[in-house]
Amino acid sequence: MGTENSDERSISWLLLKLAVFTVCVPGTATVWLPLYVLFPALRQRPIEWNAATAGAIVLMAAGASGYLWCALEFAFVGRGTPAPIDMPRRLVVQGLYRYVRNPMYISALLVLVGESALFRSWHMLEYSAVIAIGFHFFVLFHEEPTLRRKMGPEYVKYCEDVARWSPRLTRRRRGHAV
């Protein structure tokens, strides 16, 4: 019974940390910074309700859903959060991670591109491109080396099987699709 209570507290603590990180980091990059700091005039721009608006909302919903799915996988499967200082203790290779190594970043970019379309803003699209470049360099020079060091051969094999940015429906093994 004591272990059950400990597990519940552990999950509750993970979910609280996940919520705080989500509001502070992706929330800042996808909502607060672009709409309140960089481009506040966008908030006053009227939204035209048409097919493009619907498409933008679908992109933003897909991005938010993808992020939440991955973040919950980190908590429940990996026993950690997306925060670099509280990374998962186990490698997460299920869910969206079966198809692409960085679905959280892709999800955040979907939100930003959806916002760019919603507000018909080239500046938001440029901001999205800058964020995408930042994600790429962060993954290349910090995240992947850290994961190789902490997760070892399991992560190296995962990198061989699953692409960094372009999702594929099958996993690659030793030079061929499975």
N, C-alpha and C. Protein backbone atom coordinates (compact mmCIF):
# COMPACT_ATOMS: atom_id res chain seq x y z
N MET A 1 0.82 -1.19 0.00
CA MET A 1 0.00 0.00 0.00
C MET A 1 0.87 1.26 0.00
N GLY A 2 1.98 1.22 0.71
CA GLY A 2 2.89 2.36 0.74
C GLY A 2 3.47 2.64 -0.63
N THR A 3 3.77 1.59 -1.39
CA THR A 3 4.31 1.75 -2.74
C THR A 3 3.29 2.40 -3.66
N GLU A 4 2.01 1.99 -3.52
CA GLU A 4 0.94 2.56 -4.33
C GLU A 4 0.83 4.06 -4.10
N ASN A 5 0.86 4.48 -2.84
CA ASN A 5 0.82 5.91 -2.50
C ASN A 5 2.01 6.64 -3.08
N SER A 6 3.17 6.01 -2.97
CA SER A 6 4.40 6.61 -3.50
C SER A 6 4.32 6.78 -5.02
N ASP A 7 3.78 5.76 -5.70
CA ASP A 7 3.62 5.83 -7.16
C ASP A 7 2.65 6.94 -7.55
N GLU A 8 1.54 7.06 -6.80
CA GLU A 8 0.56 8.12 -7.09
C GLU A 8 1.18 9.48 -6.91
N ARG A 9 1.95 9.66 -5.81
CA ARG A 9 2.62 10.95 -5.58
C ARG A 9 3.65 11.20 -6.67
N SER A 10 4.33 10.16 -7.07
CA SER A 10 5.34 10.30 -8.12
C SER A 10 4.70 10.76 -9.43
N ILE A 11 3.60 10.14 -9.81
CA ILE A 11 2.89 10.52 -11.04
C ILE A 11 2.33 11.94 -10.89
N SER A 12 1.75 12.24 -9.75
CA SER A 12 1.22 13.59 -9.53
C SER A 12 2.33 14.63 -9.64
N TRP A 13 3.46 14.34 -9.04
CA TRP A 13 4.60 15.27 -9.10
C TRP A 13 5.08 15.42 -10.54
N LEU A 14 5.18 14.33 -11.28
CA LEU A 14 5.59 14.39 -12.69
C LEU A 14 4.62 15.24 -13.50
N LEU A 15 3.32 15.03 -13.29
CA LEU A 15 2.32 15.79 -14.04
C LEU A 15 2.36 17.28 -13.68
N LEU A 16 2.62 17.60 -12.43
CA LEU A 16 2.75 19.00 -12.04
C LEU A 16 3.97 19.63 -12.72
N LYS A 17 5.10 18.93 -12.69
CA LYS A 17 6.31 19.45 -13.35
C LYS A 17 6.06 19.60 -14.85
N LEU A 18 5.36 18.64 -15.43
CA LEU A 18 5.04 18.69 -16.86
C LEU A 18 4.17 19.90 -17.17
N ALA A 19 3.17 20.16 -16.35
CA ALA A 19 2.28 21.31 -16.56
C ALA A 19 3.06 22.62 -16.46
N VAL A 20 3.91 22.74 -15.47
CA VAL A 20 4.71 23.96 -15.29
C VAL A 20 5.63 24.15 -16.49
N PHE A 21 6.31 23.10 -16.91
CA PHE A 21 7.20 23.20 -18.06
C PHE A 21 6.42 23.59 -19.31
N THR A 22 5.27 22.98 -19.52
CA THR A 22 4.45 23.24 -20.71
C THR A 22 4.02 24.70 -20.78
N VAL A 23 3.58 25.24 -19.67
CA VAL A 23 3.17 26.65 -19.65
C VAL A 23 4.39 27.55 -19.87
N CYS A 24 5.49 27.23 -19.22
CA CYS A 24 6.66 28.11 -19.27
C CYS A 24 7.44 28.05 -20.58
N VAL A 25 7.63 26.88 -21.15
CA VAL A 25 8.51 26.78 -22.32
C VAL A 25 7.71 26.77 -23.63
N PRO A 26 6.97 25.69 -23.96
CA PRO A 26 6.21 25.76 -25.22
C PRO A 26 5.17 26.88 -25.19
N GLY A 27 4.57 27.12 -24.03
CA GLY A 27 3.59 28.21 -23.92
C GLY A 27 4.20 29.56 -24.24
N THR A 28 5.42 29.77 -23.76
CA THR A 28 6.12 31.02 -24.03
C THR A 28 6.49 31.12 -25.51
N ALA A 29 7.04 30.05 -26.06
CA ALA A 29 7.51 30.09 -27.46
C ALA A 29 6.37 30.17 -28.47
N THR A 30 5.21 29.58 -28.14
CA THR A 30 4.13 29.54 -29.13
C THR A 30 3.00 30.54 -28.88
N VAL A 31 2.91 31.09 -27.67
CA VAL A 31 1.81 32.03 -27.39
C VAL A 31 2.34 33.36 -26.86
N TRP A 32 2.91 33.34 -25.69
CA TRP A 32 3.27 34.58 -25.02
C TRP A 32 4.27 35.42 -25.83
N LEU A 33 5.38 34.83 -26.21
CA LEU A 33 6.41 35.59 -26.92
C LEU A 33 5.92 36.11 -28.28
N PRO A 34 5.35 35.25 -29.14
CA PRO A 34 4.94 35.80 -30.44
C PRO A 34 3.76 36.76 -30.37
N LEU A 35 2.74 36.44 -29.57
CA LEU A 35 1.52 37.24 -29.60
C LEU A 35 1.52 38.42 -28.64
N TYR A 36 2.32 38.38 -27.61
CA TYR A 36 2.29 39.46 -26.63
C TYR A 36 3.56 40.32 -26.66
N VAL A 37 4.65 39.77 -27.17
CA VAL A 37 5.89 40.53 -27.18
C VAL A 37 6.29 40.95 -28.60
N LEU A 38 6.39 39.99 -29.49
CA LEU A 38 6.89 40.29 -30.84
C LEU A 38 5.84 40.91 -31.76
N PHE A 39 4.64 40.37 -31.74
CA PHE A 39 3.61 40.82 -32.69
C PHE A 39 2.27 41.08 -32.00
N PRO A 40 2.21 41.98 -31.02
CA PRO A 40 0.95 42.18 -30.29
C PRO A 40 -0.20 42.68 -31.17
N ALA A 41 0.12 43.33 -32.29
CA ALA A 41 -0.95 43.81 -33.18
C ALA A 41 -1.77 42.65 -33.76
N LEU A 42 -1.19 41.47 -33.81
CA LEU A 42 -1.92 40.31 -34.35
C LEU A 42 -3.16 40.01 -33.52
N ARG A 43 -3.09 40.26 -32.23
CA ARG A 43 -4.23 39.96 -31.36
C ARG A 43 -5.44 40.84 -31.68
N GLN A 44 -5.19 42.03 -32.26
CA GLN A 44 -6.31 42.92 -32.60
C GLN A 44 -6.82 42.70 -34.03
N ARG A 45 -6.08 41.91 -34.80
CA ARG A 45 -6.47 41.67 -36.19
C ARG A 45 -7.70 40.77 -36.22
N PRO A 46 -8.74 41.18 -36.94
CA PRO A 46 -9.93 40.32 -37.01
C PRO A 46 -9.62 39.02 -37.76
N ILE A 47 -10.23 37.96 -37.29
CA ILE A 47 -10.02 36.65 -37.92
C ILE A 47 -11.16 36.44 -38.91
N GLU A 48 -10.80 36.16 -40.15
CA GLU A 48 -11.80 35.85 -41.18
C GLU A 48 -12.11 34.36 -41.08
N TRP A 49 -13.37 34.02 -40.91
CA TRP A 49 -13.75 32.61 -40.80
C TRP A 49 -13.99 32.04 -42.19
N ASN A 50 -13.05 31.21 -42.63
CA ASN A 50 -13.13 30.57 -43.94
C ASN A 50 -12.35 29.25 -43.88
N ALA A 51 -12.16 28.64 -45.03
CA ALA A 51 -11.46 27.35 -45.08
C ALA A 51 -10.02 27.46 -44.59
N ALA A 52 -9.35 28.57 -44.90
CA ALA A 52 -7.97 28.77 -44.44
C ALA A 52 -7.92 28.85 -42.92
N THR A 53 -8.90 29.51 -42.33
CA THR A 53 -8.96 29.60 -40.87
C THR A 53 -9.16 28.21 -40.27
N ALA A 54 -10.05 27.44 -40.87
CA ALA A 54 -10.28 26.08 -40.40
C ALA A 54 -9.00 25.26 -40.50
N GLY A 55 -8.28 25.40 -41.60
CA GLY A 55 -7.00 24.69 -41.77
C GLY A 55 -5.99 25.10 -40.71
N ALA A 56 -5.94 26.40 -40.41
CA ALA A 56 -5.02 26.90 -39.39
C ALA A 56 -5.37 26.31 -38.02
N ILE A 57 -6.64 26.25 -37.72
CA ILE A 57 -7.08 25.69 -36.44
C ILE A 57 -6.75 24.20 -36.36
N VAL A 58 -6.92 23.51 -37.46
CA VAL A 58 -6.57 22.08 -37.50
C VAL A 58 -5.07 21.91 -37.24
N LEU A 59 -4.23 22.73 -37.87
CA LEU A 59 -2.78 22.66 -37.64
C LEU A 59 -2.44 22.90 -36.17
N MET A 60 -3.05 23.95 -35.59
CA MET A 60 -2.76 24.27 -34.20
C MET A 60 -3.26 23.16 -33.27
N ALA A 61 -4.42 22.60 -33.55
CA ALA A 61 -4.95 21.51 -32.72
C ALA A 61 -4.08 20.25 -32.85
N ALA A 62 -3.63 19.96 -34.06
CA ALA A 62 -2.75 18.80 -34.27
C ALA A 62 -1.44 19.00 -33.51
N GLY A 63 -0.90 20.21 -33.58
CA GLY A 63 0.35 20.50 -32.86
C GLY A 63 0.18 20.39 -31.36
N ALA A 64 -0.88 20.98 -30.83
CA ALA A 64 -1.12 20.92 -29.38
C ALA A 64 -1.36 19.48 -28.94
N SER A 65 -2.13 18.73 -29.71
CA SER A 65 -2.40 17.32 -29.38
C SER A 65 -1.14 16.49 -29.43
N GLY A 66 -0.33 16.69 -30.47
CA GLY A 66 0.93 15.95 -30.60
C GLY A 66 1.84 16.23 -29.42
N TYR A 67 1.96 17.50 -29.05
CA TYR A 67 2.81 17.86 -27.92
C TYR A 67 2.31 17.17 -26.64
N LEU A 68 1.01 17.28 -26.37
CA LEU A 68 0.47 16.68 -25.14
C LEU A 68 0.64 15.16 -25.12
N TRP A 69 0.42 14.52 -26.26
CA TRP A 69 0.60 13.07 -26.34
C TRP A 69 2.04 12.71 -25.97
N CYS A 70 2.99 13.40 -26.59
CA CYS A 70 4.41 13.11 -26.34
C CYS A 70 4.79 13.43 -24.90
N ALA A 71 4.32 14.54 -24.39
CA ALA A 71 4.65 14.93 -23.02
C ALA A 71 4.12 13.91 -22.02
N LEU A 72 2.92 13.40 -22.26
CA LEU A 72 2.36 12.37 -21.37
C LEU A 72 3.13 11.06 -21.50
N GLU A 73 3.60 10.74 -22.70
CA GLU A 73 4.46 9.55 -22.87
C GLU A 73 5.73 9.73 -22.04
N PHE A 74 6.30 10.93 -22.07
CA PHE A 74 7.49 11.20 -21.26
C PHE A 74 7.21 10.93 -19.78
N ALA A 75 6.06 11.39 -19.29
CA ALA A 75 5.73 11.24 -17.88
C ALA A 75 5.44 9.78 -17.52
N PHE A 76 4.54 9.13 -18.27
CA PHE A 76 4.09 7.80 -17.88
C PHE A 76 5.05 6.68 -18.30
N VAL A 77 5.70 6.81 -19.44
CA VAL A 77 6.60 5.76 -19.91
C VAL A 77 8.05 6.07 -19.53
N GLY A 78 8.48 7.28 -19.82
CA GLY A 78 9.87 7.65 -19.57
C GLY A 78 10.15 8.09 -18.15
N ARG A 79 9.08 8.40 -17.38
CA ARG A 79 9.20 8.86 -15.99
C ARG A 79 10.03 10.13 -15.87
N GLY A 80 9.75 11.07 -16.78
CA GLY A 80 10.42 12.37 -16.75
C GLY A 80 9.57 13.39 -17.46
N THR A 81 10.17 14.51 -17.79
CA THR A 81 9.47 15.59 -18.49
C THR A 81 10.30 16.02 -19.69
N PRO A 82 9.76 16.90 -20.55
CA PRO A 82 10.55 17.40 -21.67
C PRO A 82 11.67 18.35 -21.24
N ALA A 83 11.67 18.80 -20.00
CA ALA A 83 12.71 19.73 -19.54
C ALA A 83 14.08 19.05 -19.57
N PRO A 84 15.06 19.71 -20.17
CA PRO A 84 16.40 19.11 -20.22
C PRO A 84 16.97 18.76 -18.84
N ILE A 85 16.54 19.47 -17.79
CA ILE A 85 17.04 19.16 -16.45
C ILE A 85 16.25 18.05 -15.76
N ASP A 86 15.19 17.56 -16.40
CA ASP A 86 14.36 16.50 -15.83
C ASP A 86 13.95 15.52 -16.92
N MET A 87 14.91 15.15 -17.75
CA MET A 87 14.60 14.29 -18.89
C MET A 87 14.13 12.90 -18.43
N PRO A 88 13.43 12.20 -19.30
CA PRO A 88 12.96 10.85 -18.96
C PRO A 88 14.12 9.93 -18.56
N ARG A 89 13.83 9.04 -17.65
CA ARG A 89 14.84 8.08 -17.20
C ARG A 89 14.94 6.90 -18.15
N ARG A 90 13.85 6.66 -18.90
CA ARG A 90 13.84 5.58 -19.90
C ARG A 90 13.58 6.19 -21.26
N LEU A 91 14.18 5.61 -22.28
CA LEU A 91 14.00 6.07 -23.66
C LEU A 91 12.57 5.79 -24.11
N VAL A 92 11.90 6.81 -24.61
CA VAL A 92 10.53 6.67 -25.10
C VAL A 92 10.59 6.43 -26.60
N VAL A 93 10.14 5.25 -27.02
CA VAL A 93 10.19 4.88 -28.44
C VAL A 93 8.83 4.41 -28.95
N GLN A 94 7.78 4.81 -28.25
CA GLN A 94 6.44 4.43 -28.67
C GLN A 94 5.64 5.67 -29.02
N GLY A 95 4.38 5.48 -29.40
CA GLY A 95 3.56 6.62 -29.79
C GLY A 95 4.15 7.29 -31.02
N LEU A 96 4.15 8.60 -31.02
CA LEU A 96 4.70 9.34 -32.17
C LEU A 96 6.20 9.14 -32.33
N TYR A 97 6.87 8.75 -31.26
CA TYR A 97 8.31 8.50 -31.32
C TYR A 97 8.66 7.27 -32.15
N ARG A 98 7.69 6.47 -32.52
CA ARG A 98 7.95 5.35 -33.44
C ARG A 98 8.23 5.85 -34.84
N TYR A 99 7.73 7.04 -35.17
CA TYR A 99 7.80 7.54 -36.54
C TYR A 99 8.84 8.63 -36.76
N VAL A 100 9.15 9.38 -35.71
CA VAL A 100 10.09 10.49 -35.83
C VAL A 100 10.69 10.75 -34.45
N ARG A 101 11.97 11.13 -34.42
CA ARG A 101 12.64 11.30 -33.12
C ARG A 101 12.24 12.58 -32.39
N ASN A 102 11.72 13.56 -33.08
CA ASN A 102 11.44 14.86 -32.45
C ASN A 102 10.00 15.33 -32.66
N PRO A 103 9.02 14.51 -32.30
CA PRO A 103 7.64 14.93 -32.56
C PRO A 103 7.19 16.13 -31.72
N MET A 104 7.80 16.34 -30.56
CA MET A 104 7.40 17.51 -29.76
C MET A 104 7.78 18.81 -30.45
N TYR A 105 8.97 18.85 -31.01
CA TYR A 105 9.39 20.06 -31.73
C TYR A 105 8.53 20.28 -32.97
N ILE A 106 8.25 19.20 -33.68
CA ILE A 106 7.40 19.29 -34.86
C ILE A 106 6.01 19.79 -34.46
N SER A 107 5.51 19.30 -33.34
CA SER A 107 4.20 19.72 -32.85
C SER A 107 4.18 21.22 -32.53
N ALA A 108 5.22 21.70 -31.87
CA ALA A 108 5.31 23.13 -31.55
C ALA A 108 5.35 23.95 -32.84
N LEU A 109 6.07 23.46 -33.83
CA LEU A 109 6.13 24.18 -35.11
C LEU A 109 4.78 24.18 -35.82
N LEU A 110 4.02 23.09 -35.69
CA LEU A 110 2.67 23.06 -36.27
C LEU A 110 1.80 24.15 -35.65
N VAL A 111 1.92 24.34 -34.34
CA VAL A 111 1.17 25.40 -33.67
C VAL A 111 1.57 26.75 -34.24
N LEU A 112 2.87 26.99 -34.37
CA LEU A 112 3.35 28.28 -34.87
C LEU A 112 2.93 28.53 -36.32
N VAL A 113 3.03 27.51 -37.16
CA VAL A 113 2.62 27.68 -38.56
C VAL A 113 1.10 27.89 -38.63
N GLY A 114 0.36 27.19 -37.77
CA GLY A 114 -1.08 27.41 -37.71
C GLY A 114 -1.41 28.84 -37.30
N GLU A 115 -0.68 29.37 -36.32
CA GLU A 115 -0.89 30.76 -35.91
C GLU A 115 -0.54 31.71 -37.06
N SER A 116 0.53 31.41 -37.77
CA SER A 116 0.92 32.24 -38.93
C SER A 116 -0.22 32.30 -39.94
N ALA A 117 -0.84 31.15 -40.20
CA ALA A 117 -1.95 31.09 -41.15
C ALA A 117 -3.19 31.78 -40.58
N LEU A 118 -3.47 31.55 -39.31
CA LEU A 118 -4.65 32.14 -38.68
C LEU A 118 -4.61 33.66 -38.75
N PHE A 119 -3.44 34.21 -38.44
CA PHE A 119 -3.31 35.67 -38.42
C PHE A 119 -2.79 36.25 -39.75
N ARG A 120 -2.60 35.34 -40.74
CA ARG A 120 -2.09 35.77 -42.05
C ARG A 120 -0.84 36.65 -41.89
N SER A 121 0.15 36.11 -41.18
CA SER A 121 1.32 36.89 -40.82
C SER A 121 2.62 36.27 -41.33
N TRP A 122 3.27 36.98 -42.23
CA TRP A 122 4.59 36.56 -42.70
C TRP A 122 5.61 36.66 -41.57
N HIS A 123 5.44 37.64 -40.70
CA HIS A 123 6.37 37.79 -39.58
C HIS A 123 6.31 36.58 -38.65
N MET A 124 5.10 36.07 -38.41
CA MET A 124 4.97 34.86 -37.59
C MET A 124 5.60 33.67 -38.29
N LEU A 125 5.47 33.61 -39.60
CA LEU A 125 6.09 32.52 -40.35
C LEU A 125 7.61 32.61 -40.27
N GLU A 126 8.14 33.82 -40.36
CA GLU A 126 9.59 34.01 -40.21
C GLU A 126 10.04 33.62 -38.81
N TYR A 127 9.27 34.01 -37.80
CA TYR A 127 9.55 33.62 -36.42
C TYR A 127 9.56 32.09 -36.31
N SER A 128 8.60 31.44 -36.95
CA SER A 128 8.53 29.97 -36.94
C SER A 128 9.79 29.36 -37.53
N ALA A 129 10.28 29.95 -38.62
CA ALA A 129 11.51 29.46 -39.25
C ALA A 129 12.71 29.62 -38.32
N VAL A 130 12.79 30.74 -37.63
CA VAL A 130 13.89 30.96 -36.68
C VAL A 130 13.81 29.93 -35.55
N ILE A 131 12.61 29.69 -35.05
CA ILE A 131 12.43 28.68 -33.99
C ILE A 131 12.83 27.30 -34.52
N ALA A 132 12.45 26.97 -35.75
CA ALA A 132 12.81 25.66 -36.33
C ALA A 132 14.33 25.51 -36.41
N ILE A 133 15.02 26.54 -36.83
CA ILE A 133 16.49 26.49 -36.90
C ILE A 133 17.07 26.32 -35.50
N GLY A 134 16.51 27.05 -34.53
CA GLY A 134 16.96 26.90 -33.15
C GLY A 134 16.75 25.48 -32.64
N PHE A 135 15.59 24.90 -32.93
CA PHE A 135 15.32 23.51 -32.53
C PHE A 135 16.38 22.58 -33.13
N HIS A 136 16.65 22.76 -34.42
CA HIS A 136 17.59 21.88 -35.10
C HIS A 136 18.97 21.92 -34.43
N PHE A 137 19.46 23.12 -34.17
CA PHE A 137 20.79 23.23 -33.57
C PHE A 137 20.80 22.73 -32.12
N PHE A 138 19.72 22.95 -31.38
CA PHE A 138 19.62 22.44 -30.02
C PHE A 138 19.66 20.91 -30.03
N VAL A 139 18.89 20.32 -30.93
CA VAL A 139 18.86 18.85 -31.03
C VAL A 139 20.22 18.32 -31.44
N LEU A 140 20.82 18.92 -32.45
CA LEU A 140 22.10 18.45 -32.98
C LEU A 140 23.24 18.56 -31.99
N PHE A 141 23.35 19.71 -31.32
CA PHE A 141 24.53 19.97 -30.49
C PHE A 141 24.33 19.74 -29.00
N HIS A 142 23.10 19.63 -28.53
CA HIS A 142 22.90 19.37 -27.11
C HIS A 142 22.12 18.08 -26.85
N GLU A 143 20.92 18.00 -27.41
CA GLU A 143 20.03 16.91 -27.04
C GLU A 143 20.56 15.53 -27.48
N GLU A 144 20.94 15.40 -28.74
CA GLU A 144 21.39 14.09 -29.21
C GLU A 144 22.68 13.64 -28.52
N PRO A 145 23.68 14.50 -28.37
CA PRO A 145 24.88 14.04 -27.63
C PRO A 145 24.56 13.65 -26.17
N THR A 146 23.67 14.40 -25.54
CA THR A 146 23.29 14.09 -24.16
C THR A 146 22.57 12.74 -24.10
N LEU A 147 21.66 12.51 -25.03
CA LEU A 147 20.93 11.23 -25.04
C LEU A 147 21.86 10.06 -25.37
N ARG A 148 22.81 10.27 -26.29
CA ARG A 148 23.77 9.20 -26.59
C ARG A 148 24.56 8.84 -25.34
N ARG A 149 24.97 9.85 -24.60
CA ARG A 149 25.76 9.63 -23.38
C ARG A 149 24.91 8.96 -22.29
N LYS A 150 23.68 9.41 -22.10
CA LYS A 150 22.85 8.89 -21.00
C LYS A 150 22.14 7.59 -21.33
N MET A 151 21.70 7.41 -22.58
CA MET A 151 20.92 6.23 -22.95
C MET A 151 21.75 5.16 -23.66
N GLY A 152 22.93 5.53 -24.12
CA GLY A 152 23.86 4.56 -24.69
C GLY A 152 23.42 3.91 -25.99
N PRO A 153 23.77 2.63 -26.15
CA PRO A 153 23.51 1.91 -27.40
C PRO A 153 22.04 1.87 -27.79
N GLU A 154 21.15 1.88 -26.80
CA GLU A 154 19.72 1.86 -27.09
C GLU A 154 19.33 3.10 -27.91
N TYR A 155 19.89 4.25 -27.55
CA TYR A 155 19.58 5.48 -28.29
C TYR A 155 20.26 5.47 -29.66
N VAL A 156 21.46 4.97 -29.74
CA VAL A 156 22.16 4.90 -31.03
C VAL A 156 21.36 4.03 -32.00
N LYS A 157 20.86 2.90 -31.53
CA LYS A 157 20.05 2.03 -32.38
C LYS A 157 18.75 2.73 -32.78
N TYR A 158 18.13 3.43 -31.84
CA TYR A 158 16.92 4.19 -32.13
C TYR A 158 17.17 5.22 -33.23
N CYS A 159 18.31 5.91 -33.16
CA CYS A 159 18.66 6.89 -34.19
C CYS A 159 18.83 6.25 -35.56
N GLU A 160 19.33 5.03 -35.58
CA GLU A 160 19.48 4.31 -36.84
C GLU A 160 18.12 3.92 -37.42
N ASP A 161 17.16 3.65 -36.54
CA ASP A 161 15.85 3.15 -36.95
C ASP A 161 14.85 4.25 -37.29
N VAL A 162 14.97 5.42 -36.64
CA VAL A 162 13.94 6.45 -36.74
C VAL A 162 14.58 7.78 -37.15
N ALA A 163 13.98 8.44 -38.13
CA ALA A 163 14.51 9.69 -38.66
C ALA A 163 14.36 10.84 -37.65
N ARG A 164 15.25 11.81 -37.76
CA ARG A 164 15.24 12.96 -36.86
C ARG A 164 14.04 13.86 -37.08
N TRP A 165 13.75 14.23 -38.33
CA TRP A 165 12.72 15.25 -38.60
C TRP A 165 11.60 14.79 -39.53
N SER A 166 11.87 13.91 -40.46
CA SER A 166 10.82 13.54 -41.42
C SER A 166 10.20 12.20 -41.02
N PRO A 167 8.95 12.25 -40.60
CA PRO A 167 8.29 11.01 -40.14
C PRO A 167 8.23 9.97 -41.24
N ARG A 168 8.42 8.73 -40.86
CA ARG A 168 8.19 7.63 -41.79
C ARG A 168 7.31 6.60 -41.11
N LEU A 169 6.52 5.95 -41.90
CA LEU A 169 5.55 5.01 -41.34
C LEU A 169 6.17 3.67 -40.98
N THR A 170 7.37 3.40 -41.49
CA THR A 170 8.06 2.18 -41.14
C THR A 170 9.41 2.54 -40.54
N ARG A 171 9.91 1.66 -39.71
CA ARG A 171 11.22 1.90 -39.10
C ARG A 171 12.29 1.29 -39.97
N ARG A 172 13.41 1.95 -40.04
CA ARG A 172 14.55 1.46 -40.80
C ARG A 172 15.40 0.56 -39.93
N ARG A 173 15.82 -0.52 -40.47
CA ARG A 173 16.75 -1.40 -39.78
C ARG A 173 17.81 -1.86 -40.77
N ARG A 174 19.04 -1.61 -40.41
CA ARG A 174 20.19 -2.04 -41.21
C ARG A 174 20.00 -1.77 -42.70
N GLY A 175 19.61 -0.52 -43.00
CA GLY A 175 19.57 -0.10 -44.39
C GLY A 175 18.31 -0.44 -45.17
N HIS A 176 17.33 -1.05 -44.53
CA HIS A 176 16.08 -1.33 -45.25
C HIS A 176 14.88 -1.13 -44.34
N ALA A 177 13.74 -0.90 -44.94
CA ALA A 177 12.52 -0.66 -44.16
C ALA A 177 11.99 -1.98 -43.62
N VAL A 178 11.38 -1.89 -42.46
CA VAL A 178 10.77 -3.09 -41.85
C VAL A 178 9.28 -2.96 -41.89
